Amino acid sequence: MEKMKMNKELLFIKKNFTTKEEVINNTCSIAERLGYVNENFKTDIIKREQEFPTGLDTAVPIAMPHVGTNCNTSFMSITTVEKPVNFKYMDGTEGELPVEIIFLFGIVHPEDQMEVLKKLTALFRDENRLNRIINAQTNEEGFETMKEFLGDFVEAS
């Protein structure tokens, strides 16, 4: 599996986003500027999120919008928010889940998606690490926590 890029420009700590659309638009715009995705990536990820929601009610509620199309370089982005933003539940539960951490990622080779999801699932089970991410006060602190956990799964760029 190809390593995922993790760029400090795609790490957003304690942001004042109020909707999932703001989070997705912001992240996708920067990923496009960095050349990680093309202009259709954002449309694909929004459509996928509508059809297959990604909100997970973990110790710290998270969402993980992702897609394997219109991506030039596999990458991982992390956003934490001052106040939770609503995502629909992945399991089909009615209503919306107030999410505190958003892991938005793109994958060049869709067959790598399961490996990424396995690694992230291990993180979601680790309440201590999720709390370290949500309590990070700076991009550097959040970046180091993610890099420490994901290890050689990602490549800092």
C-alpha atoms as a PDB file:
ATOM      1  CA  MET A   1       0.000   0.000   0.000  1.00  0.00           C
ATOM      2  CA  GLU A   2       1.195   3.474  -0.874  1.00  0.00           C
ATOM      3  CA  LYS A   3       1.797   5.794   2.090  1.00  0.00           C
ATOM      4  CA  MET A   4      -0.776   8.516   2.627  1.00  0.00           C
ATOM      5  CA  LYS A   5       0.427  12.118   2.605  1.00  0.00           C
ATOM      6  CA  MET A   6      -0.205  14.052   5.779  1.00  0.00           C
ATOM      7  CA  ASN A   7       0.393  17.760   5.274  1.00  0.00           C
ATOM      8  CA  LYS A   8       0.206  20.344   8.047  1.00  0.00           C
ATOM      9  CA  GLU A   9      -1.884  22.491   5.698  1.00  0.00           C
ATOM     10  CA  LEU A  10      -4.567  19.784   5.933  1.00  0.00           C
ATOM     11  CA  LEU A  11      -4.680  19.802   9.703  1.00  0.00           C
ATOM     12  CA  PHE A  12      -7.309  22.093  11.208  1.00  0.00           C
ATOM     13  CA  ILE A  13      -7.332  22.332  14.993  1.00  0.00           C
ATOM     14  CA  LYS A  14     -10.108  24.036  16.989  1.00  0.00           C
ATOM     15  CA  LYS A  15     -11.816  25.546  13.946  1.00  0.00           C
ATOM     16  CA  ASN A  16     -15.130  27.390  14.053  1.00  0.00           C
ATOM     17  CA  PHE A  17     -16.852  25.453  11.272  1.00  0.00           C
ATOM     18  CA  THR A  18     -20.590  25.103  11.831  1.00  0.00           C
ATOM     19  CA  THR A  19     -21.557  22.580   9.123  1.00  0.00           C
ATOM     20  CA  LYS A  20     -20.096  19.466   7.558  1.00  0.00           C
ATOM     21  CA  GLU A  21     -20.228  21.272   4.213  1.00  0.00           C
ATOM     22  CA  GLU A  22     -17.862  23.949   5.542  1.00  0.00           C
ATOM     23  CA  VAL A  23     -15.428  21.280   6.740  1.00  0.00           C
ATOM     24  CA  ILE A  24     -15.571  19.397   3.432  1.00  0.00           C
ATOM     25  CA  ASN A  25     -15.319  22.536   1.264  1.00  0.00           C
ATOM     26  CA  ASN A  26     -12.377  23.894   3.238  1.00  0.00           C
ATOM     27  CA  THR A  27     -10.439  20.629   3.226  1.00  0.00           C
ATOM     28  CA  CYS A  28     -11.131  19.829  -0.426  1.00  0.00           C
ATOM     29  CA  SER A  29     -10.103  23.309  -1.575  1.00  0.00           C
ATOM     30  CA  ILE A  30      -6.718  22.987   0.090  1.00  0.00           C
ATOM     31  CA  ALA A  31      -6.241  19.386  -1.079  1.00  0.00           C
ATOM     32  CA  GLU A  32      -6.938  20.589  -4.628  1.00  0.00           C
ATOM     33  CA  ARG A  33      -4.484  23.504  -4.288  1.00  0.00           C
ATOM     34  CA  LEU A  34      -1.826  21.026  -3.086  1.00  0.00           C
ATOM     35  CA  GLY A  35      -2.501  18.866  -6.164  1.00  0.00           C
ATOM     36  CA  TYR A  36      -3.716  15.881  -4.132  1.00  0.00           C
ATOM     37  CA  VAL A  37      -7.136  15.896  -5.832  1.00  0.00           C
ATOM     38  CA  ASN A  38      -8.798  17.323  -8.912  1.00  0.00           C
ATOM     39  CA  GLU A  39     -11.814  19.632  -9.073  1.00  0.00           C
ATOM     40  CA  ASN A  40     -14.320  16.719  -9.053  1.00  0.00           C
ATOM     41  CA  PHE A  41     -13.130  15.238  -5.753  1.00  0.00           C
ATOM     42  CA  LYS A  42     -15.298  17.541  -3.621  1.00  0.00           C
ATOM     43  CA  THR A  43     -18.450  16.642  -5.575  1.00  0.00           C
ATOM     44  CA  ASP A  44     -17.637  12.944  -5.226  1.00  0.00           C
ATOM     45  CA  ILE A  45     -17.050  13.135  -1.476  1.00  0.00           C
ATOM     46  CA  ILE A  46     -20.247  15.126  -0.859  1.00  0.00           C
ATOM     47  CA  LYS A  47     -22.251  12.636  -2.934  1.00  0.00           C
ATOM     48  CA  ARG A  48     -20.705   9.674  -1.131  1.00  0.00           C
ATOM     49  CA  GLU A  49     -21.392  11.258   2.272  1.00  0.00           C
ATOM     50  CA  GLN A  50     -25.060  11.690   1.272  1.00  0.00           C
ATOM     51  CA  GLU A  51     -25.368   8.076   0.121  1.00  0.00           C
ATOM     52  CA  PHE A  52     -23.100   6.434   2.718  1.00  0.00           C
ATOM     53  CA  PRO A  53     -22.825   8.645   5.830  1.00  0.00           C
ATOM     54  CA  THR A  54     -19.705   8.322   7.955  1.00  0.00           C
ATOM     55  CA  GLY A  55     -20.637   9.593  11.437  1.00  0.00           C
ATOM     56  CA  LEU A  56     -19.484   7.190  14.164  1.00  0.00           C
ATOM     57  CA  ASP A  57     -20.552   7.452  17.777  1.00  0.00           C
ATOM     58  CA  THR A  58     -17.174   6.602  19.327  1.00  0.00           C
ATOM     59  CA  ALA A  59     -15.796   7.827  22.692  1.00  0.00           C
ATOM     60  CA  VAL A  60     -15.247  11.146  20.911  1.00  0.00           C
ATOM     61  CA  PRO A  61     -17.765  11.292  18.010  1.00  0.00           C
ATOM     62  CA  ILE A  62     -16.033  11.275  14.622  1.00  0.00           C
ATOM     63  CA  ALA A  63     -16.791  11.288  10.910  1.00  0.00           C
ATOM     64  CA  MET A  64     -14.572  10.037   8.131  1.00  0.00           C
ATOM     65  CA  PRO A  65     -15.687  11.279   4.727  1.00  0.00           C
ATOM     66  CA  HIS A  66     -13.601   9.556   2.067  1.00  0.00           C
ATOM     67  CA  VAL A  67     -13.606   8.524  -1.539  1.00  0.00           C
ATOM     68  CA  GLY A  68     -11.327   6.732  -3.974  1.00  0.00           C
ATOM     69  CA  THR A  69     -12.080   8.788  -7.093  1.00  0.00           C
ATOM     70  CA  ASN A  70     -10.564  11.940  -8.547  1.00  0.00           C
ATOM     71  CA  CYS A  71      -7.629  11.630  -6.164  1.00  0.00           C
ATOM     72  CA  ASN A  72      -4.055  12.097  -7.440  1.00  0.00           C
ATOM     73  CA  THR A  73      -2.246  11.402  -4.150  1.00  0.00           C
ATOM     74  CA  SER A  74      -3.546   9.432  -1.179  1.00  0.00           C
ATOM     75  CA  PHE A  75      -3.840  11.787   1.795  1.00  0.00           C
ATOM     76  CA  MET A  76      -5.263  12.175   5.279  1.00  0.00           C
ATOM     77  CA  SER A  77      -6.663  15.363   6.806  1.00  0.00           C
ATOM     78  CA  ILE A  78      -7.852  15.963  10.350  1.00  0.00           C
ATOM     79  CA  THR A  79     -10.213  18.670  11.568  1.00  0.00           C
ATOM     80  CA  THR A  80     -11.245  19.351  15.148  1.00  0.00           C
ATOM     81  CA  VAL A  81     -13.987  21.867  15.809  1.00  0.00           C
ATOM     82  CA  GLU A  82     -14.770  24.286  18.628  1.00  0.00           C
ATOM     83  CA  LYS A  83     -18.408  23.154  18.601  1.00  0.00           C
ATOM     84  CA  PRO A  84     -19.571  19.843  17.124  1.00  0.00           C
ATOM     85  CA  VAL A  85     -20.865  19.742  13.543  1.00  0.00           C
ATOM     86  CA  ASN A  86     -23.613  17.333  12.512  1.00  0.00           C
ATOM     87  CA  PHE A  87     -23.036  14.291  10.334  1.00  0.00           C
ATOM     88  CA  LYS A  88     -25.492  11.511   9.640  1.00  0.00           C
ATOM     89  CA  TYR A  89     -24.853   8.243  11.430  1.00  0.00           C
ATOM     90  CA  MET A  90     -22.959   5.577   9.504  1.00  0.00           C
ATOM     91  CA  ASP A  91     -25.162   2.819  10.923  1.00  0.00           C
ATOM     92  CA  GLY A  92     -28.412   4.382   9.704  1.00  0.00           C
ATOM     93  CA  THR A  93     -29.551   5.618  13.133  1.00  0.00           C
ATOM     94  CA  GLU A  94     -32.140   8.382  12.719  1.00  0.00           C
ATOM     95  CA  GLY A  95     -31.026  11.968  13.211  1.00  0.00           C
ATOM     96  CA  GLU A  96     -27.585  13.463  13.160  1.00  0.00           C
ATOM     97  CA  LEU A  97     -24.504  12.923  15.261  1.00  0.00           C
ATOM     98  CA  PRO A  98     -22.655  15.962  16.679  1.00  0.00           C
ATOM     99  CA  VAL A  99     -19.085  15.204  15.563  1.00  0.00           C
ATOM    100  CA  GLU A 100     -15.906  16.611  17.108  1.00  0.00           C
ATOM    101  CA  ILE A 101     -13.185  15.143  14.859  1.00  0.00           C
ATOM    102  CA  ILE A 102     -13.364  14.763  11.083  1.00  0.00           C
ATOM    103  CA  PHE A 103     -10.893  12.520   9.267  1.00  0.00           C
ATOM    104  CA  LEU A 104     -11.319  13.365   5.577  1.00  0.00           C
ATOM    105  CA  PHE A 105      -9.167  11.327   3.234  1.00  0.00           C
ATOM    106  CA  GLY A 106      -8.667  10.388  -0.371  1.00  0.00           C
ATOM    107  CA  ILE A 107      -7.232   7.171  -1.744  1.00  0.00           C
ATOM    108  CA  VAL A 108      -5.648   6.705  -5.161  1.00  0.00           C
ATOM    109  CA  HIS A 109      -6.059   2.922  -5.112  1.00  0.00           C
ATOM    110  CA  PRO A 110      -9.567   2.042  -3.834  1.00  0.00           C
ATOM    111  CA  GLU A 111      -8.358  -1.443  -2.909  1.00  0.00           C
ATOM    112  CA  ASP A 112      -6.273   0.246  -0.145  1.00  0.00           C
ATOM    113  CA  GLN A 113      -9.429   1.558   1.546  1.00  0.00           C
ATOM    114  CA  MET A 114      -9.795  -1.450   3.870  1.00  0.00           C
ATOM    115  CA  GLU A 115      -6.246  -1.040   5.210  1.00  0.00           C
ATOM    116  CA  VAL A 116      -6.893   2.636   5.929  1.00  0.00           C
ATOM    117  CA  LEU A 117     -10.199   1.868   7.632  1.00  0.00           C
ATOM    118  CA  LYS A 118      -8.588  -0.871   9.765  1.00  0.00           C
ATOM    119  CA  LYS A 119      -5.906   1.530  10.961  1.00  0.00           C
ATOM    120  CA  LEU A 120      -8.429   4.250  11.724  1.00  0.00           C
ATOM    121  CA  THR A 121     -10.726   1.778  13.496  1.00  0.00           C
ATOM    122  CA  ALA A 122      -7.892   0.974  15.890  1.00  0.00           C
ATOM    123  CA  LEU A 123      -7.557   4.707  16.577  1.00  0.00           C
ATOM    124  CA  PHE A 124     -11.299   5.094  17.180  1.00  0.00           C
ATOM    125  CA  ARG A 125     -11.135   2.408  19.854  1.00  0.00           C
ATOM    126  CA  ASP A 126      -8.366   4.282  21.662  1.00  0.00           C
ATOM    127  CA  GLU A 127     -10.211   6.863  23.760  1.00  0.00           C
ATOM    128  CA  ASN A 128      -6.924   8.201  25.111  1.00  0.00           C
ATOM    129  CA  ARG A 129      -5.604   9.082  21.624  1.00  0.00           C
ATOM    130  CA  LEU A 130      -8.933  10.523  20.505  1.00  0.00           C
ATOM    131  CA  ASN A 131      -8.868  12.766  23.569  1.00  0.00           C
ATOM    132  CA  ARG A 132      -5.290  13.799  22.760  1.00  0.00           C
ATOM    133  CA  ILE A 133      -6.420  14.833  19.282  1.00  0.00           C
ATOM    134  CA  ILE A 134      -9.514  16.701  20.487  1.00  0.00           C
ATOM    135  CA  ASN A 135      -7.507  18.413  23.240  1.00  0.00           C
ATOM    136  CA  ALA A 136      -4.662  19.487  20.945  1.00  0.00           C
ATOM    137  CA  GLN A 137      -4.308  23.249  21.020  1.00  0.00           C
ATOM    138  CA  THR A 138      -2.061  23.666  17.969  1.00  0.00           C
ATOM    139  CA  ASN A 139      -1.697  22.123  14.523  1.00  0.00           C
ATOM    140  CA  GLU A 140       1.754  20.880  15.545  1.00  0.00           C
ATOM    141  CA  GLU A 141       0.362  19.026  18.566  1.00  0.00           C
ATOM    142  CA  GLY A 142      -2.404  17.405  16.488  1.00  0.00           C
ATOM    143  CA  PHE A 143       0.035  16.542  13.713  1.00  0.00           C
ATOM    144  CA  GLU A 144       2.483  14.860  16.101  1.00  0.00           C
ATOM    145  CA  THR A 145      -0.289  12.828  17.756  1.00  0.00           C
ATOM    146  CA  MET A 146      -1.552  11.560  14.393  1.00  0.00           C
ATOM    147  CA  LYS A 147       1.942  10.881  13.074  1.00  0.00           C
ATOM    148  CA  GLU A 148       2.773   8.966  16.265  1.00  0.00           C
ATOM    149  CA  PHE A 149      -0.308   6.791  15.897  1.00  0.00           C
ATOM    150  CA  LEU A 150      -0.266   6.234  12.148  1.00  0.00           C
ATOM    151  CA  GLY A 151       3.520   5.779  12.046  1.00  0.00           C
ATOM    152  CA  ASP A 152       4.865   4.571   8.721  1.00  0.00           C
ATOM    153  CA  PHE A 153       1.315   4.421   7.371  1.00  0.00           C
ATOM    154  CA  VAL A 154       1.647   8.117   6.490  1.00  0.00           C
ATOM    155  CA  GLU A 155       4.356  10.329   5.079  1.00  0.00           C
ATOM    156  CA  ALA A 156       4.658  13.904   6.302  1.00  0.00           C
ATOM    157  CA  SER A 157       4.787  16.362   3.423  1.00  0.00           C
END
